[in-house]
Amino acid sequence: MSFQSTFKALSDPTRRAILDLLKAGAKTAGDIGSCFDMTGATVSHHLSVLKEAGLISDERRGKYIYYELNLSVLDEITGWIAGLKGDARNEE
C-alpha cells in the first residue's frame, strides 16, 4: 500500500461511495453494483482499484466473493493526517 495509490483510489466519488456502503459490513459485488447505475465491469474495476490500494479486502464464501473495508489502512491514513495536524500545532 502506498499513499499515492490510496489517495488516487479515494479521489473518485464512486469509490468513496463504495467504501461508505461497506461501513455496514461485507457485501458481494452484486450487492454493491445494485446501488449504482453502472455495468458489472465498471463495478469490478472500482473494486479492483480499491483492493490494489489496500482499502478493501475480499474473501470467497461459497460461490460469492465478499468485499469489506480494510480498517488497518484507514487507521494508517488517519494517523498520518493526525500527525500533520499535531506538527502544525507545535510550530505555532
Protein backbone atom coordinates (compact mmCIF):
# COMPACT_ATOMS: atom_id res chain seq x y z
CA MET A 1 0.00 0.00 0.00
CA SER A 2 1.27 3.43 -0.89
CA PHE A 3 -0.31 6.74 -0.02
CA GLN A 4 -0.24 7.63 -3.71
CA SER A 5 -2.43 4.67 -4.71
CA THR A 6 -4.64 5.15 -1.66
CA PHE A 7 -5.33 8.82 -2.38
CA LYS A 8 -5.81 8.08 -6.08
CA ALA A 9 -8.44 5.49 -5.16
CA LEU A 10 -10.11 7.93 -2.77
CA SER A 11 -10.21 10.69 -5.41
CA ASP A 12 -13.12 9.04 -7.21
CA PRO A 13 -16.62 9.75 -5.79
CA THR A 14 -17.94 6.31 -6.80
CA ARG A 15 -15.15 4.57 -4.91
CA ARG A 16 -15.81 6.73 -1.86
CA ALA A 17 -19.49 5.74 -2.10
CA ILE A 18 -18.49 2.06 -2.25
CA LEU A 19 -16.40 2.49 0.91
CA ASP A 20 -19.39 4.17 2.55
CA LEU A 21 -21.57 1.15 1.66
CA LEU A 22 -19.02 -1.21 3.16
CA LYS A 23 -19.16 0.57 6.52
CA ALA A 24 -22.26 -1.54 7.23
CA GLY A 25 -20.34 -4.76 6.61
CA ALA A 26 -19.14 -7.10 3.89
CA LYS A 27 -21.03 -7.15 0.58
CA THR A 28 -20.81 -9.02 -2.70
CA ALA A 29 -20.05 -7.25 -5.97
CA GLY A 30 -23.69 -7.79 -6.90
CA ASP A 31 -24.87 -6.10 -3.70
CA ILE A 32 -22.57 -3.17 -4.38
CA GLY A 33 -23.48 -2.96 -8.06
CA SER A 34 -27.20 -2.83 -7.28
CA CYS A 35 -26.63 0.54 -5.60
CA PHE A 36 -25.20 2.15 -8.76
CA ASP A 37 -26.28 2.71 -12.34
CA MET A 38 -23.22 1.15 -13.97
CA THR A 39 -22.14 -2.11 -15.57
CA GLY A 40 -20.75 -5.01 -13.61
CA ALA A 41 -17.41 -4.48 -15.35
CA THR A 42 -17.27 -0.89 -14.07
CA VAL A 43 -18.09 -2.00 -10.52
CA SER A 44 -15.38 -4.66 -10.83
CA HIS A 45 -12.87 -2.02 -11.95
CA HIS A 46 -13.67 0.21 -8.97
CA LEU A 47 -13.36 -2.76 -6.59
CA SER A 48 -10.03 -3.67 -8.17
CA VAL A 49 -8.65 -0.15 -7.66
CA LEU A 50 -9.81 -0.14 -4.03
CA LYS A 51 -8.29 -3.56 -3.42
CA GLU A 52 -4.98 -2.60 -5.04
CA ALA A 53 -4.85 0.48 -2.81
CA GLY A 54 -5.39 -1.73 0.23
CA LEU A 55 -8.66 -0.05 1.18
CA ILE A 56 -10.73 -3.22 0.88
CA SER A 57 -10.14 -6.94 1.11
CA ASP A 58 -12.06 -9.82 -0.39
CA GLU A 59 -12.95 -13.30 0.82
CA ARG A 60 -14.62 -16.15 -1.02
CA ARG A 61 -17.59 -17.61 0.86
CA GLY A 62 -19.15 -20.42 -1.09
CA LYS A 63 -19.83 -19.21 -4.60
CA TYR A 64 -19.64 -15.49 -3.73
CA ILE A 65 -16.78 -13.10 -3.06
CA TYR A 66 -17.42 -10.65 -0.24
CA TYR A 67 -15.69 -7.28 -0.04
CA GLU A 68 -15.07 -5.43 3.21
CA LEU A 69 -13.19 -2.42 4.49
CA ASN A 70 -9.54 -2.83 5.43
CA LEU A 71 -9.55 -0.76 8.60
CA SER A 72 -5.79 -1.04 9.18
CA VAL A 73 -5.10 1.05 6.05
CA LEU A 74 -7.72 3.59 7.08
CA ASP A 75 -6.13 3.77 10.56
CA GLU A 76 -2.73 4.38 8.95
CA ILE A 77 -4.11 7.24 6.83
CA THR A 78 -5.93 8.91 9.73
CA GLY A 79 -2.83 8.54 11.91
CA TRP A 80 -0.70 10.22 9.26
CA ILE A 81 -3.20 13.08 8.90
CA ALA A 82 -3.47 13.47 12.68
CA GLY A 83 0.33 13.65 12.82
CA LEU A 84 0.29 16.50 10.35
CA LYS A 85 -2.22 18.38 12.46
CA GLY A 86 -0.19 17.74 15.60
CA ASP A 87 3.01 19.04 13.98
CA ALA A 88 1.24 22.21 12.81
CA ARG A 89 0.12 22.98 16.37
CA ASN A 90 3.65 22.56 17.71
CA GLU A 91 5.04 25.12 15.25
CA GLU A 92 2.66 27.89 16.36
